[in-house]
N, C-alpha and C. Protein backbone atom coordinates (compact mmCIF):
# COMPACT_ATOMS: atom_id res chain seq x y z
N MET A 1 3.80 -7.27 5.57
CA MET A 1 4.97 -7.10 6.27
C MET A 1 5.67 -8.70 6.61
N SER A 2 6.90 -8.55 6.11
CA SER A 2 7.74 -9.62 6.80
C SER A 2 8.70 -9.65 7.48
N ASP A 3 9.57 -8.53 7.56
CA ASP A 3 10.66 -8.23 8.72
C ASP A 3 9.90 -7.79 9.86
N SER A 4 10.46 -8.71 10.96
CA SER A 4 10.17 -8.21 12.29
C SER A 4 10.24 -6.93 13.01
N ARG A 5 11.51 -6.28 12.43
CA ARG A 5 12.36 -5.15 12.81
C ARG A 5 11.08 -4.19 12.15
N GLU A 6 10.74 -4.14 10.92
CA GLU A 6 10.00 -3.37 10.24
C GLU A 6 8.51 -3.30 10.95
N ASP A 7 8.32 -4.51 11.09
CA ASP A 7 6.42 -4.75 11.56
C ASP A 7 6.59 -3.87 13.14
N ALA A 8 7.81 -3.82 13.79
CA ALA A 8 8.02 -3.34 15.20
C ALA A 8 8.17 -1.58 14.90
N GLN A 9 8.62 -1.37 13.83
CA GLN A 9 8.72 0.26 13.61
C GLN A 9 7.09 0.37 13.37
N VAL A 10 6.77 -0.34 12.12
CA VAL A 10 5.41 -0.07 12.09
C VAL A 10 4.43 0.27 13.34
N VAL A 11 4.46 -0.85 14.07
CA VAL A 11 3.64 -0.69 15.22
C VAL A 11 3.65 0.30 16.44
N ASN A 12 5.07 0.56 16.17
CA ASN A 12 5.72 1.92 17.18
C ASN A 12 4.56 2.93 16.73
N ARG A 13 5.32 3.56 15.00
CA ARG A 13 4.61 4.75 14.66
C ARG A 13 2.91 4.54 14.82
N ALA A 14 2.35 3.60 14.84
CA ALA A 14 0.89 3.34 14.71
C ALA A 14 0.42 4.00 16.15
N MET A 15 1.31 3.03 17.11
CA MET A 15 0.97 3.37 18.41
C MET A 15 0.92 5.06 19.11
N GLU A 16 2.02 5.31 18.54
CA GLU A 16 2.16 7.20 18.75
C GLU A 16 1.40 7.80 17.85
N ALA A 17 0.64 7.18 16.53
CA ALA A 17 -0.05 7.92 16.17
C ALA A 17 -1.47 8.10 17.12
N GLY A 18 -1.99 6.59 17.17
CA GLY A 18 -3.18 6.25 17.89
C GLY A 18 -3.13 7.24 19.06
N LYS A 19 -2.31 6.94 19.74
CA LYS A 19 -2.53 8.04 21.10
C LYS A 19 -2.57 9.53 20.90
N MET A 20 -1.68 10.57 20.21
CA MET A 20 -2.29 11.82 19.48
C MET A 20 -3.51 11.59 19.14
N TYR A 21 -4.33 10.57 18.44
CA TYR A 21 -5.67 10.76 17.91
C TYR A 21 -6.55 11.05 19.62
N PHE A 22 -6.39 10.08 20.23
CA PHE A 22 -7.15 9.95 21.29
C PHE A 22 -6.88 11.13 22.05
N LYS A 23 -5.86 11.90 22.05
CA LYS A 23 -5.67 12.84 22.75
C LYS A 23 -6.33 14.25 22.43
N ASP A 24 -5.80 14.17 20.63
CA ASP A 24 -6.61 15.31 19.99
C ASP A 24 -8.03 15.33 19.83
N LYS A 25 -8.71 14.00 19.99
CA LYS A 25 -10.01 14.20 18.97
C LYS A 25 -10.74 14.05 20.59
N TYR A 26 -10.47 13.09 21.73
CA TYR A 26 -11.00 12.76 22.53
C TYR A 26 -10.56 13.47 24.04
N ASP A 27 -9.42 14.01 24.11
CA ASP A 27 -8.87 14.36 25.04
C ASP A 27 -8.26 13.38 26.19
N LEU A 28 -8.05 11.99 25.94
CA LEU A 28 -7.77 10.65 26.50
C LEU A 28 -6.50 10.53 26.54
N ASN A 29 -6.08 10.13 27.39
CA ASN A 29 -4.45 9.39 27.66
C ASN A 29 -4.36 7.89 27.39
N VAL A 30 -4.24 7.39 26.37
CA VAL A 30 -4.05 6.02 26.71
C VAL A 30 -2.43 5.37 26.49
N GLU A 31 -2.82 3.85 26.44
CA GLU A 31 -1.46 3.03 26.66
C GLU A 31 -1.96 1.49 25.66
N PHE A 32 -1.31 1.50 24.57
CA PHE A 32 -1.62 0.41 23.80
C PHE A 32 -1.02 -0.78 24.30
N THR A 33 -1.35 -2.15 24.71
CA THR A 33 -0.61 -2.97 25.22
C THR A 33 -0.38 -4.44 24.38
N ARG A 34 -1.14 -4.12 23.36
CA ARG A 34 -1.27 -5.45 22.00
C ARG A 34 -1.60 -4.82 20.57
N HIS A 35 -1.10 -5.66 20.12
CA HIS A 35 -1.69 -5.14 18.21
C HIS A 35 -1.81 -6.67 17.61
N LYS A 36 -2.22 -6.37 16.33
CA LYS A 36 -2.51 -7.54 15.45
C LYS A 36 -3.03 -6.92 14.20
N PHE A 37 -2.04 -7.47 13.34
CA PHE A 37 -2.15 -6.93 11.44
C PHE A 37 -3.24 -7.71 11.25
N ASN A 38 -4.13 -7.03 10.64
CA ASN A 38 -4.86 -7.79 9.31
C ASN A 38 -4.16 -8.60 8.53
N PRO A 39 -4.74 -9.60 8.03
CA PRO A 39 -4.06 -10.54 6.97
C PRO A 39 -3.92 -9.62 5.89
N PRO A 40 -3.47 -9.71 4.65
CA PRO A 40 -2.81 -8.79 3.80
C PRO A 40 -4.18 -8.60 2.54
N ASP A 41 -4.50 -9.81 2.48
CA ASP A 41 -5.65 -9.66 1.79
C ASP A 41 -6.75 -8.91 2.06
N LEU A 42 -7.04 -8.65 3.43
CA LEU A 42 -7.54 -7.65 4.10
C LEU A 42 -7.78 -6.24 4.02
N GLY A 43 -6.20 -5.82 3.74
CA GLY A 43 -6.21 -4.09 3.45
C GLY A 43 -4.37 -4.11 4.15
N THR A 44 -4.79 -3.01 4.98
CA THR A 44 -2.88 -2.41 4.98
C THR A 44 -3.56 -2.02 6.62
N ASP A 45 -4.23 -2.99 7.44
CA ASP A 45 -4.56 -1.87 8.38
C ASP A 45 -4.05 -2.92 9.93
N VAL A 46 -3.61 -2.50 10.83
CA VAL A 46 -3.33 -3.04 12.18
C VAL A 46 -4.46 -2.52 13.20
N GLY A 47 -4.85 -3.19 14.14
CA GLY A 47 -5.37 -2.91 15.48
C GLY A 47 -4.89 -2.98 16.60
N LEU A 48 -5.22 -1.61 17.36
CA LEU A 48 -4.01 -1.42 18.53
C LEU A 48 -5.13 -1.58 19.64
N TYR A 49 -4.96 -2.56 20.66
CA TYR A 49 -5.84 -2.69 21.87
C TYR A 49 -5.13 -2.34 23.27
N GLY A 50 -6.05 -1.23 23.88
CA GLY A 50 -5.02 -0.93 25.06
C GLY A 50 -6.28 -0.36 25.80
N HIS A 51 -5.88 0.43 27.14
CA HIS A 51 -6.78 1.14 28.03
C HIS A 51 -6.24 2.68 28.17
N LEU A 52 -7.29 3.11 28.74
CA LEU A 52 -6.92 4.61 29.61
C LEU A 52 -5.81 4.14 30.33
N THR A 53 -4.72 5.31 30.33
CA THR A 53 -3.79 5.49 31.28
C THR A 53 -3.96 5.28 32.22
N GLU A 54 -5.42 6.47 33.18
CA GLU A 54 -5.46 6.46 34.37
C GLU A 54 -6.40 5.35 34.69
N ASP A 55 -7.29 4.91 33.90
CA ASP A 55 -8.28 3.55 34.52
C ASP A 55 -7.77 2.36 33.59
N THR A 56 -7.06 1.28 33.88
CA THR A 56 -6.52 0.17 33.20
C THR A 56 -7.91 -0.74 33.01
N ASP A 57 -9.08 -0.63 33.94
CA ASP A 57 -10.00 -0.92 33.31
C ASP A 57 -11.01 -0.58 31.95
N THR A 58 -10.84 0.44 31.28
CA THR A 58 -11.42 1.07 30.74
C THR A 58 -10.89 0.82 29.09
N GLU A 59 -11.09 0.12 28.56
CA GLU A 59 -10.28 -0.59 27.40
C GLU A 59 -10.86 0.23 25.91
N VAL A 60 -10.00 0.53 24.99
CA VAL A 60 -10.02 1.53 24.17
C VAL A 60 -9.61 0.11 22.98
N PHE A 61 -9.81 0.84 21.36
CA PHE A 61 -9.27 0.10 20.49
C PHE A 61 -9.22 1.01 19.37
N LEU A 62 -8.27 0.62 18.26
CA LEU A 62 -8.24 1.65 17.12
C LEU A 62 -7.28 0.81 16.07
N LEU A 63 -8.20 0.77 14.95
CA LEU A 63 -7.72 0.18 13.51
C LEU A 63 -7.34 1.59 12.72
N ILE A 64 -6.06 1.15 12.47
CA ILE A 64 -5.09 2.15 11.61
C ILE A 64 -4.38 1.88 10.34
N ASN A 65 -4.09 2.44 9.41
CA ASN A 65 -3.60 2.08 8.46
C ASN A 65 -2.50 2.16 8.58
N TYR A 66 -1.57 1.14 8.67
CA TYR A 66 0.06 1.03 8.51
C TYR A 66 0.37 1.85 7.35
N GLU A 67 0.16 2.33 6.56
CA GLU A 67 0.59 2.79 5.33
C GLU A 67 0.54 4.18 5.43
N THR A 68 -0.67 4.68 5.83
CA THR A 68 -0.81 6.20 5.79
C THR A 68 -1.03 6.85 7.63
N PHE A 69 -1.19 5.66 8.13
CA PHE A 69 -1.38 6.19 9.59
C PHE A 69 -2.65 6.88 9.89
N GLU A 70 -3.66 6.52 8.81
CA GLU A 70 -4.70 6.91 8.97
C GLU A 70 -5.88 6.26 9.74
N VAL A 71 -6.79 6.90 10.82
CA VAL A 71 -7.53 6.07 12.04
C VAL A 71 -8.71 6.04 10.43
N VAL A 72 -8.93 4.23 11.15
CA VAL A 72 -9.98 3.80 10.31
C VAL A 72 -11.20 3.46 11.00
N THR A 73 -11.11 2.97 12.17
CA THR A 73 -12.15 3.00 13.12
C THR A 73 -11.86 2.95 14.72
N VAL A 74 -12.27 3.24 15.78
CA VAL A 74 -12.11 3.54 16.85
C VAL A 74 -13.26 3.10 17.59
N GLY A 75 -13.11 2.60 18.95
CA GLY A 75 -13.49 2.00 19.76
C GLY A 75 -13.41 2.74 21.24
N VAL A 76 -14.26 3.52 21.64
CA VAL A 76 -14.11 3.99 22.93
C VAL A 76 -15.27 4.17 23.84
N PRO A 77 -15.75 3.73 25.21
CA PRO A 77 -16.97 3.83 25.55
C PRO A 77 -17.45 5.20 25.48
N GLU A 78 -19.04 4.91 24.95
CA GLU A 78 -19.54 6.09 24.50
C GLU A 78 -19.61 7.17 25.77
N GLU A 79 -19.66 6.97 27.05
CA GLU A 79 -19.89 7.65 27.99
C GLU A 79 -18.50 8.55 28.16
N LEU A 80 -17.19 8.23 27.77
CA LEU A 80 -16.38 8.86 27.76
C LEU A 80 -16.29 10.07 26.81
N ILE A 81 -16.96 10.07 25.50
CA ILE A 81 -17.03 10.71 24.59
C ILE A 81 -18.14 11.57 24.10
N GLU A 82 -19.20 11.98 25.05
CA GLU A 82 -20.35 12.56 24.89
C GLU A 82 -20.00 14.10 25.82
């Protein structure tokens, strides 16, 4: 990713896809507060970090491919998904 406007668009799309994923899969409402792109030699993924909308102390994580918007890895406290 080279253009900052393009980066921002990709991050916004990834965040929307991530929010939908948490809602559809776990019935959780989340807010992402920061992101980090993986180095290009490690793939086309962006890490999204945030928390539950209703509980800012409960953190969540999502690694999503920014070309396909497919979820690669998800991190959520176990007690919320049982």
